[in-house]
């Protein structure tokens, strides 16, 4: 991952069970990534909470059938 500028990979969970599958740590940025089998399952409430509380703007939802018209939805091989 360092080849791509990623320093560490973490996960994130709060006491009240909000969670994000992966947090990519890249220099001073935290990039949250939620992984789902399909985009219909995507509940982005945890992502919204993370973005608001950590003042991050970039995030991704990875799914095998992403909704191409929606920004931030990507296929696994696009990471």
C-alpha atoms as a PDB file:
ATOM      1  CA  UNK A   1       0.000   0.000   0.000  1.00  0.00           C
ATOM      2  CA  UNK A   2       2.891   2.371   0.599  1.00  0.00           C
ATOM      3  CA  UNK A   3       3.559   2.201  -3.127  1.00  0.00           C
ATOM      4  CA  UNK A   4       0.248   4.085  -3.516  1.00  0.00           C
ATOM      5  CA  UNK A   5       0.901   6.555  -0.696  1.00  0.00           C
ATOM      6  CA  UNK A   6      -1.161   4.735   1.948  1.00  0.00           C
ATOM      7  CA  UNK A   7       0.613   4.693   5.315  1.00  0.00           C
ATOM      8  CA  UNK A   8      -1.781   2.457   7.297  1.00  0.00           C
ATOM      9  CA  UNK A   9      -5.154   0.742   7.065  1.00  0.00           C
ATOM     10  CA  UNK A  10      -7.492   0.755  10.064  1.00  0.00           C
ATOM     11  CA  UNK A  11     -11.145   0.165  10.873  1.00  0.00           C
ATOM     12  CA  UNK A  12     -13.416   2.453  12.873  1.00  0.00           C
ATOM     13  CA  UNK A  13     -16.212   1.775  15.331  1.00  0.00           C
ATOM     14  CA  UNK A  14     -17.972   3.886  17.954  1.00  0.00           C
ATOM     15  CA  UNK A  15     -19.478   2.829  21.269  1.00  0.00           C
ATOM     16  CA  UNK A  16     -22.957   3.067  19.737  1.00  0.00           C
ATOM     17  CA  UNK A  17     -21.971   0.613  16.939  1.00  0.00           C
ATOM     18  CA  UNK A  18     -21.351   2.983  14.041  1.00  0.00           C
ATOM     19  CA  UNK A  19     -18.617   1.412  11.960  1.00  0.00           C
ATOM     20  CA  UNK A  20     -16.628   1.771   8.775  1.00  0.00           C
ATOM     21  CA  UNK A  21     -14.848  -1.183   7.199  1.00  0.00           C
ATOM     22  CA  UNK A  22     -11.575   0.528   6.271  1.00  0.00           C
ATOM     23  CA  UNK A  23      -9.885   3.831   7.022  1.00  0.00           C
ATOM     24  CA  UNK A  24      -6.926   4.547   4.757  1.00  0.00           C
ATOM     25  CA  UNK A  25      -4.397   6.793   6.464  1.00  0.00           C
ATOM     26  CA  UNK A  26      -2.603   8.879   3.886  1.00  0.00           C
ATOM     27  CA  UNK A  27      -0.334  11.605   5.255  1.00  0.00           C
ATOM     28  CA  UNK A  28      -2.766  13.882   7.154  1.00  0.00           C
ATOM     29  CA  UNK A  29      -5.906  12.441   5.547  1.00  0.00           C
ATOM     30  CA  UNK A  30      -8.299   9.729   6.654  1.00  0.00           C
ATOM     31  CA  UNK A  31     -10.213   8.133   3.768  1.00  0.00           C
ATOM     32  CA  UNK A  32     -13.194   6.020   4.911  1.00  0.00           C
ATOM     33  CA  UNK A  33     -14.210   3.054   2.749  1.00  0.00           C
ATOM     34  CA  UNK A  34     -17.387   1.053   3.223  1.00  0.00           C
ATOM     35  CA  UNK A  35     -17.537  -2.331   1.440  1.00  0.00           C
ATOM     36  CA  UNK A  36     -20.842  -3.925   0.422  1.00  0.00           C
ATOM     37  CA  UNK A  37     -21.797  -6.848  -1.780  1.00  0.00           C
ATOM     38  CA  UNK A  38     -24.187  -4.577  -3.640  1.00  0.00           C
ATOM     39  CA  UNK A  39     -24.888  -0.868  -3.552  1.00  0.00           C
ATOM     40  CA  UNK A  40     -28.502  -1.329  -2.475  1.00  0.00           C
ATOM     41  CA  UNK A  41     -27.222  -2.422   0.964  1.00  0.00           C
ATOM     42  CA  UNK A  42     -25.224   0.755   1.405  1.00  0.00           C
ATOM     43  CA  UNK A  43     -26.267   2.636   4.509  1.00  0.00           C
ATOM     44  CA  UNK A  44     -24.088   5.726   4.602  1.00  0.00           C
ATOM     45  CA  UNK A  45     -25.127   7.039   8.022  1.00  0.00           C
ATOM     46  CA  UNK A  46     -21.800   5.925   9.546  1.00  0.00           C
ATOM     47  CA  UNK A  47     -19.909   7.577   6.693  1.00  0.00           C
ATOM     48  CA  UNK A  48     -21.837  10.812   7.195  1.00  0.00           C
ATOM     49  CA  UNK A  49     -21.088  10.727  10.923  1.00  0.00           C
ATOM     50  CA  UNK A  50     -17.371  10.113  10.301  1.00  0.00           C
ATOM     51  CA  UNK A  51     -17.100  12.856   7.666  1.00  0.00           C
ATOM     52  CA  UNK A  52     -18.863  15.364   9.909  1.00  0.00           C
ATOM     53  CA  UNK A  53     -16.828  14.567  13.038  1.00  0.00           C
ATOM     54  CA  UNK A  54     -13.423  14.208  11.393  1.00  0.00           C
ATOM     55  CA  UNK A  55     -13.881  16.961   8.812  1.00  0.00           C
ATOM     56  CA  UNK A  56     -13.017  14.684   5.879  1.00  0.00           C
ATOM     57  CA  UNK A  57     -14.561  15.109   2.459  1.00  0.00           C
ATOM     58  CA  UNK A  58     -13.316  12.099   0.514  1.00  0.00           C
ATOM     59  CA  UNK A  59     -14.961   8.683   0.987  1.00  0.00           C
ATOM     60  CA  UNK A  60     -15.796   5.601  -1.050  1.00  0.00           C
ATOM     61  CA  UNK A  61     -18.440   2.900  -1.127  1.00  0.00           C
ATOM     62  CA  UNK A  62     -17.110  -0.237  -2.809  1.00  0.00           C
ATOM     63  CA  UNK A  63     -19.640  -2.667  -4.315  1.00  0.00           C
ATOM     64  CA  UNK A  64     -19.817  -5.189  -7.129  1.00  0.00           C
ATOM     65  CA  UNK A  65     -22.827  -3.475  -8.686  1.00  0.00           C
ATOM     66  CA  UNK A  66     -22.246   0.165  -7.856  1.00  0.00           C
ATOM     67  CA  UNK A  67     -24.608   2.842  -9.046  1.00  0.00           C
ATOM     68  CA  UNK A  68     -22.518   4.587 -11.663  1.00  0.00           C
ATOM     69  CA  UNK A  69     -24.535   7.765 -11.491  1.00  0.00           C
ATOM     70  CA  UNK A  70     -23.683   8.189  -7.814  1.00  0.00           C
ATOM     71  CA  UNK A  71     -20.427   9.830  -6.901  1.00  0.00           C
ATOM     72  CA  UNK A  72     -18.083   7.918  -4.567  1.00  0.00           C
ATOM     73  CA  UNK A  73     -19.427   4.471  -5.574  1.00  0.00           C
ATOM     74  CA  UNK A  74     -16.664   2.346  -7.107  1.00  0.00           C
ATOM     75  CA  UNK A  75     -15.896  -1.221  -8.113  1.00  0.00           C
ATOM     76  CA  UNK A  76     -13.267  -3.098  -6.035  1.00  0.00           C
ATOM     77  CA  UNK A  77     -10.740  -3.024  -8.877  1.00  0.00           C
ATOM     78  CA  UNK A  78     -10.957   0.780  -9.083  1.00  0.00           C
ATOM     79  CA  UNK A  79      -9.329   1.331  -5.703  1.00  0.00           C
END
